Amino acid sequence: PIYGARLVHTIFEDAELRADWEKEVKVMADRIIGMRKALTAELLALGSTKDWSHIEKQIGMFCFTGLSKPQVERMKKEFHIYLTGNGRISMAGVTSGNVKHIAEAIHEVSQ
């Protein structure tokens, strides 16, 4: 823990390092926001009539999908998409390359 604290102190103490860090955090946050929007758009494009607005309203690296435990199990077994038992997915793992597959799986198990 002390090394992490020293690293943070070093970055926050130096204006240039802190500015770089803030830019990098913004890039990561914007990417996750973009993936939330893309996932919602893909679900709607698939014809889902469910309200997925909560995906975009949430913030942070994780998203509660609203999927039930049996639906989560289907996601794992049939589509090889791994979520926690309560339906939480890591948005950091959603990419432009897999967002369509994830949306298709969510759409299939949520019908």
N, C-alpha and C. Protein backbone atom coordinates (compact mmCIF):
# COMPACT_ATOMS: atom_id res chain seq x y z
N PRO A 1 0.80 -1.22 0.00
CA PRO A 1 0.00 0.00 0.00
C PRO A 1 0.84 1.27 0.00
N ILE A 2 1.99 1.24 0.65
CA ILE A 2 2.81 2.45 0.73
C ILE A 2 3.32 2.88 -0.64
N TYR A 3 3.60 1.90 -1.51
CA TYR A 3 4.13 2.25 -2.83
C TYR A 3 3.06 2.92 -3.67
N GLY A 4 1.84 2.44 -3.58
CA GLY A 4 0.74 3.08 -4.29
C GLY A 4 0.52 4.50 -3.82
N ALA A 5 0.58 4.69 -2.52
CA ALA A 5 0.41 6.02 -1.95
C ALA A 5 1.53 6.96 -2.40
N ARG A 6 2.75 6.43 -2.47
CA ARG A 6 3.88 7.25 -2.94
C ARG A 6 3.71 7.62 -4.41
N LEU A 7 3.23 6.68 -5.19
CA LEU A 7 3.00 6.92 -6.61
C LEU A 7 1.95 8.02 -6.80
N VAL A 8 0.86 7.91 -6.09
CA VAL A 8 -0.20 8.92 -6.18
C VAL A 8 0.35 10.27 -5.73
N HIS A 9 1.09 10.28 -4.66
CA HIS A 9 1.67 11.53 -4.16
C HIS A 9 2.57 12.16 -5.21
N THR A 10 3.40 11.35 -5.85
CA THR A 10 4.31 11.84 -6.90
C THR A 10 3.54 12.46 -8.05
N ILE A 11 2.50 11.79 -8.49
CA ILE A 11 1.70 12.29 -9.62
C ILE A 11 0.96 13.56 -9.24
N PHE A 12 0.37 13.58 -8.08
CA PHE A 12 -0.42 14.74 -7.68
C PHE A 12 0.45 15.94 -7.29
N GLU A 13 1.68 15.69 -6.97
CA GLU A 13 2.58 16.76 -6.58
C GLU A 13 3.13 17.51 -7.80
N ASP A 14 3.20 16.83 -8.94
CA ASP A 14 3.77 17.40 -10.17
C ASP A 14 2.63 17.81 -11.10
N ALA A 15 2.55 19.09 -11.42
CA ALA A 15 1.44 19.62 -12.23
C ALA A 15 1.37 18.95 -13.61
N GLU A 16 2.49 18.70 -14.23
CA GLU A 16 2.50 18.08 -15.56
C GLU A 16 2.03 16.62 -15.50
N LEU A 17 2.53 15.89 -14.51
CA LEU A 17 2.09 14.49 -14.35
C LEU A 17 0.60 14.42 -14.03
N ARG A 18 0.16 15.32 -13.18
CA ARG A 18 -1.26 15.32 -12.83
C ARG A 18 -2.13 15.64 -14.05
N ALA A 19 -1.70 16.58 -14.87
CA ALA A 19 -2.45 16.93 -16.08
C ALA A 19 -2.52 15.73 -17.02
N ASP A 20 -1.41 15.01 -17.17
CA ASP A 20 -1.40 13.80 -18.01
C ASP A 20 -2.36 12.75 -17.45
N TRP A 21 -2.31 12.56 -16.14
CA TRP A 21 -3.17 11.58 -15.48
C TRP A 21 -4.64 11.94 -15.71
N GLU A 22 -4.99 13.22 -15.54
CA GLU A 22 -6.38 13.65 -15.72
C GLU A 22 -6.85 13.42 -17.16
N LYS A 23 -5.98 13.65 -18.14
CA LYS A 23 -6.34 13.39 -19.54
C LYS A 23 -6.59 11.91 -19.76
N GLU A 24 -5.74 11.07 -19.21
CA GLU A 24 -5.88 9.62 -19.37
C GLU A 24 -7.16 9.11 -18.70
N VAL A 25 -7.47 9.62 -17.54
CA VAL A 25 -8.70 9.22 -16.85
C VAL A 25 -9.92 9.64 -17.69
N LYS A 26 -9.87 10.83 -18.28
CA LYS A 26 -10.97 11.32 -19.11
C LYS A 26 -11.15 10.43 -20.34
N VAL A 27 -10.07 10.02 -20.96
CA VAL A 27 -10.15 9.13 -22.13
C VAL A 27 -10.82 7.81 -21.73
N MET A 28 -10.41 7.24 -20.60
CA MET A 28 -11.01 5.98 -20.15
C MET A 28 -12.49 6.15 -19.81
N ALA A 29 -12.82 7.21 -19.12
CA ALA A 29 -14.22 7.45 -18.74
C ALA A 29 -15.08 7.66 -19.99
N ASP A 30 -14.59 8.42 -20.94
CA ASP A 30 -15.34 8.66 -22.17
C ASP A 30 -15.54 7.38 -22.96
N ARG A 31 -14.55 6.50 -22.96
CA ARG A 31 -14.68 5.23 -23.67
C ARG A 31 -15.79 4.38 -23.03
N ILE A 32 -15.81 4.33 -21.72
CA ILE A 32 -16.84 3.55 -21.02
C ILE A 32 -18.23 4.15 -21.28
N ILE A 33 -18.34 5.46 -21.26
CA ILE A 33 -19.62 6.12 -21.57
C ILE A 33 -20.04 5.77 -22.99
N GLY A 34 -19.09 5.79 -23.92
CA GLY A 34 -19.38 5.42 -25.30
C GLY A 34 -19.85 3.99 -25.44
N MET A 35 -19.26 3.08 -24.66
CA MET A 35 -19.67 1.68 -24.71
C MET A 35 -21.06 1.48 -24.10
N ARG A 36 -21.39 2.26 -23.09
CA ARG A 36 -22.75 2.21 -22.52
C ARG A 36 -23.77 2.62 -23.59
N LYS A 37 -23.46 3.71 -24.30
CA LYS A 37 -24.36 4.17 -25.36
C LYS A 37 -24.45 3.14 -26.49
N ALA A 38 -23.32 2.57 -26.86
CA ALA A 38 -23.30 1.58 -27.94
C ALA A 38 -24.09 0.33 -27.56
N LEU A 39 -23.96 -0.12 -26.33
CA LEU A 39 -24.69 -1.30 -25.88
C LEU A 39 -26.20 -1.04 -25.91
N THR A 40 -26.61 0.11 -25.42
CA THR A 40 -28.02 0.47 -25.46
C THR A 40 -28.52 0.55 -26.90
N ALA A 41 -27.75 1.18 -27.77
CA ALA A 41 -28.14 1.32 -29.17
C ALA A 41 -28.26 -0.04 -29.85
N GLU A 42 -27.34 -0.95 -29.56
CA GLU A 42 -27.39 -2.30 -30.15
C GLU A 42 -28.64 -3.04 -29.67
N LEU A 43 -28.96 -2.92 -28.40
CA LEU A 43 -30.16 -3.59 -27.88
C LEU A 43 -31.42 -3.07 -28.57
N LEU A 44 -31.48 -1.77 -28.75
CA LEU A 44 -32.64 -1.18 -29.43
C LEU A 44 -32.68 -1.59 -30.90
N ALA A 45 -31.51 -1.64 -31.55
CA ALA A 45 -31.44 -2.05 -32.96
C ALA A 45 -31.90 -3.49 -33.15
N LEU A 46 -31.70 -4.30 -32.11
CA LEU A 46 -32.14 -5.70 -32.18
C LEU A 46 -33.66 -5.84 -31.98
N GLY A 47 -34.29 -4.73 -31.66
CA GLY A 47 -35.75 -4.75 -31.50
C GLY A 47 -36.21 -4.96 -30.07
N SER A 48 -35.31 -4.85 -29.12
CA SER A 48 -35.71 -5.02 -27.73
C SER A 48 -36.71 -3.93 -27.34
N THR A 49 -37.75 -4.34 -26.67
CA THR A 49 -38.77 -3.39 -26.21
C THR A 49 -38.59 -3.04 -24.73
N LYS A 50 -37.56 -3.61 -24.14
CA LYS A 50 -37.29 -3.33 -22.73
C LYS A 50 -36.64 -1.95 -22.58
N ASP A 51 -36.77 -1.38 -21.42
CA ASP A 51 -36.16 -0.09 -21.12
C ASP A 51 -34.73 -0.33 -20.63
N TRP A 52 -33.77 0.02 -21.46
CA TRP A 52 -32.36 -0.17 -21.12
C TRP A 52 -31.69 1.15 -20.73
N SER A 53 -32.47 2.17 -20.48
CA SER A 53 -31.90 3.49 -20.19
C SER A 53 -31.01 3.48 -18.94
N HIS A 54 -31.26 2.53 -18.05
CA HIS A 54 -30.44 2.47 -16.83
C HIS A 54 -28.96 2.20 -17.16
N ILE A 55 -28.71 1.57 -18.30
CA ILE A 55 -27.31 1.28 -18.68
C ILE A 55 -26.55 2.59 -18.88
N GLU A 56 -27.19 3.54 -19.54
CA GLU A 56 -26.54 4.83 -19.78
C GLU A 56 -26.57 5.75 -18.57
N LYS A 57 -27.55 5.57 -17.72
CA LYS A 57 -27.68 6.45 -16.54
C LYS A 57 -26.66 6.13 -15.46
N GLN A 58 -26.22 4.88 -15.42
CA GLN A 58 -25.25 4.50 -14.39
C GLN A 58 -23.87 5.08 -14.74
N ILE A 59 -23.02 5.15 -13.74
CA ILE A 59 -21.66 5.65 -13.97
C ILE A 59 -20.66 4.64 -13.42
N GLY A 60 -19.46 4.74 -13.88
CA GLY A 60 -18.40 3.89 -13.37
C GLY A 60 -18.10 2.72 -14.28
N MET A 61 -17.22 1.86 -13.80
CA MET A 61 -16.73 0.75 -14.60
C MET A 61 -17.68 -0.44 -14.66
N PHE A 62 -18.65 -0.48 -13.78
CA PHE A 62 -19.56 -1.62 -13.73
C PHE A 62 -20.98 -1.18 -14.01
N CYS A 63 -21.78 -2.11 -14.48
CA CYS A 63 -23.16 -1.82 -14.84
C CYS A 63 -24.05 -2.95 -14.37
N PHE A 64 -25.09 -2.60 -13.64
CA PHE A 64 -26.11 -3.59 -13.29
C PHE A 64 -27.05 -3.69 -14.47
N THR A 65 -27.09 -4.86 -15.09
CA THR A 65 -27.88 -5.07 -16.30
C THR A 65 -29.36 -5.26 -16.01
N GLY A 66 -29.67 -5.72 -14.82
CA GLY A 66 -31.04 -6.06 -14.50
C GLY A 66 -31.38 -7.50 -14.83
N LEU A 67 -30.37 -8.25 -15.27
CA LEU A 67 -30.59 -9.66 -15.59
C LEU A 67 -30.69 -10.48 -14.31
N SER A 68 -31.54 -11.48 -14.35
CA SER A 68 -31.72 -12.38 -13.20
C SER A 68 -30.60 -13.42 -13.17
N LYS A 69 -30.50 -14.13 -12.07
CA LYS A 69 -29.48 -15.18 -11.94
C LYS A 69 -29.59 -16.24 -13.05
N PRO A 70 -30.80 -16.73 -13.37
CA PRO A 70 -30.91 -17.69 -14.48
C PRO A 70 -30.48 -17.09 -15.83
N GLN A 71 -30.79 -15.81 -16.03
CA GLN A 71 -30.36 -15.15 -17.27
C GLN A 71 -28.84 -15.02 -17.32
N VAL A 72 -28.25 -14.69 -16.19
CA VAL A 72 -26.78 -14.60 -16.10
C VAL A 72 -26.15 -15.95 -16.41
N GLU A 73 -26.74 -17.02 -15.88
CA GLU A 73 -26.21 -18.36 -16.16
C GLU A 73 -26.26 -18.69 -17.65
N ARG A 74 -27.33 -18.28 -18.31
CA ARG A 74 -27.43 -18.48 -19.77
C ARG A 74 -26.36 -17.67 -20.49
N MET A 75 -26.12 -16.46 -20.03
CA MET A 75 -25.08 -15.61 -20.65
C MET A 75 -23.74 -16.35 -20.60
N LYS A 76 -23.45 -16.95 -19.46
CA LYS A 76 -22.19 -17.67 -19.29
C LYS A 76 -22.14 -18.93 -20.15
N LYS A 77 -23.18 -19.76 -20.02
CA LYS A 77 -23.20 -21.07 -20.69
C LYS A 77 -23.31 -20.97 -22.20
N GLU A 78 -24.22 -20.15 -22.68
CA GLU A 78 -24.51 -20.11 -24.10
C GLU A 78 -23.67 -19.11 -24.88
N PHE A 79 -23.26 -18.03 -24.23
CA PHE A 79 -22.60 -16.95 -24.95
C PHE A 79 -21.18 -16.65 -24.46
N HIS A 80 -20.77 -17.31 -23.38
CA HIS A 80 -19.43 -17.13 -22.81
C HIS A 80 -19.16 -15.68 -22.42
N ILE A 81 -20.18 -15.07 -21.86
CA ILE A 81 -20.08 -13.71 -21.33
C ILE A 81 -20.26 -13.82 -19.83
N TYR A 82 -19.30 -13.31 -19.09
CA TYR A 82 -19.27 -13.53 -17.65
C TYR A 82 -19.65 -12.26 -16.89
N LEU A 83 -20.66 -12.43 -16.06
CA LEU A 83 -21.17 -11.37 -15.19
C LEU A 83 -21.22 -11.93 -13.78
N THR A 84 -21.39 -11.06 -12.82
CA THR A 84 -21.61 -11.54 -11.46
C THR A 84 -23.02 -12.10 -11.38
N GLY A 85 -23.30 -12.88 -10.37
CA GLY A 85 -24.60 -13.52 -10.21
C GLY A 85 -25.77 -12.56 -10.15
N ASN A 86 -25.50 -11.32 -9.74
CA ASN A 86 -26.58 -10.33 -9.66
C ASN A 86 -26.73 -9.51 -10.94
N GLY A 87 -26.00 -9.92 -12.00
CA GLY A 87 -26.16 -9.26 -13.29
C GLY A 87 -25.24 -8.09 -13.55
N ARG A 88 -24.22 -7.94 -12.74
CA ARG A 88 -23.28 -6.82 -12.93
C ARG A 88 -22.22 -7.20 -13.95
N ILE A 89 -22.00 -6.31 -14.92
CA ILE A 89 -21.00 -6.54 -15.96
C ILE A 89 -19.93 -5.45 -15.89
N SER A 90 -18.72 -5.81 -16.22
CA SER A 90 -17.63 -4.83 -16.27
C SER A 90 -17.68 -4.11 -17.60
N MET A 91 -17.98 -2.83 -17.57
CA MET A 91 -18.04 -2.05 -18.81
C MET A 91 -16.65 -1.84 -19.39
N ALA A 92 -15.62 -1.99 -18.59
CA ALA A 92 -14.26 -1.88 -19.11
C ALA A 92 -13.95 -3.01 -20.09
N GLY A 93 -14.68 -4.12 -19.96
CA GLY A 93 -14.49 -5.26 -20.86
C GLY A 93 -15.35 -5.21 -22.11
N VAL A 94 -16.22 -4.22 -22.20
CA VAL A 94 -17.06 -4.06 -23.39
C VAL A 94 -16.29 -3.20 -24.38
N THR A 95 -16.12 -3.72 -25.60
CA THR A 95 -15.36 -3.01 -26.63
C THR A 95 -16.17 -2.89 -27.90
N SER A 96 -15.68 -2.09 -28.82
CA SER A 96 -16.37 -1.97 -30.11
C SER A 96 -16.36 -3.31 -30.85
N GLY A 97 -15.43 -4.18 -30.52
CA GLY A 97 -15.35 -5.48 -31.14
C GLY A 97 -16.30 -6.52 -30.56
N ASN A 98 -16.78 -6.32 -29.34
CA ASN A 98 -17.66 -7.34 -28.74
C ASN A 98 -19.02 -6.81 -28.29
N VAL A 99 -19.27 -5.52 -28.45
CA VAL A 99 -20.52 -4.94 -27.95
C VAL A 99 -21.74 -5.54 -28.65
N LYS A 100 -21.63 -5.84 -29.93
CA LYS A 100 -22.77 -6.43 -30.64
C LYS A 100 -23.07 -7.83 -30.10
N HIS A 101 -22.04 -8.62 -29.88
CA HIS A 101 -22.20 -9.97 -29.34
C HIS A 101 -22.85 -9.91 -27.95
N ILE A 102 -22.41 -8.99 -27.13
CA ILE A 102 -22.97 -8.84 -25.79
C ILE A 102 -24.43 -8.43 -25.87
N ALA A 103 -24.74 -7.48 -26.75
CA ALA A 103 -26.13 -7.04 -26.90
C ALA A 103 -27.01 -8.18 -27.41
N GLU A 104 -26.51 -8.95 -28.36
CA GLU A 104 -27.29 -10.08 -28.87
C GLU A 104 -27.58 -11.08 -27.76
N ALA A 105 -26.58 -11.33 -26.92
CA ALA A 105 -26.77 -12.27 -25.82
C ALA A 105 -27.78 -11.73 -24.80
N ILE A 106 -27.63 -10.48 -24.43
CA ILE A 106 -28.59 -9.88 -23.48
C ILE A 106 -29.98 -9.91 -24.06
N HIS A 107 -30.10 -9.57 -25.32
CA HIS A 107 -31.41 -9.56 -25.96
C HIS A 107 -32.02 -10.97 -25.95
N GLU A 108 -31.22 -11.96 -26.27
CA GLU A 108 -31.72 -13.34 -26.32
C GLU A 108 -32.18 -13.82 -24.94
N VAL A 109 -31.38 -13.59 -23.92
CA VAL A 109 -31.74 -14.12 -22.60
C VAL A 109 -32.83 -13.30 -21.91
N SER A 110 -33.05 -12.08 -22.36
CA SER A 110 -34.04 -11.22 -21.68
C SER A 110 -35.42 -11.26 -22.34
N GLN A 111 -35.59 -12.08 -23.35
CA GLN A 111 -36.89 -12.17 -24.03
C GLN A 111 -37.85 -13.04 -23.24
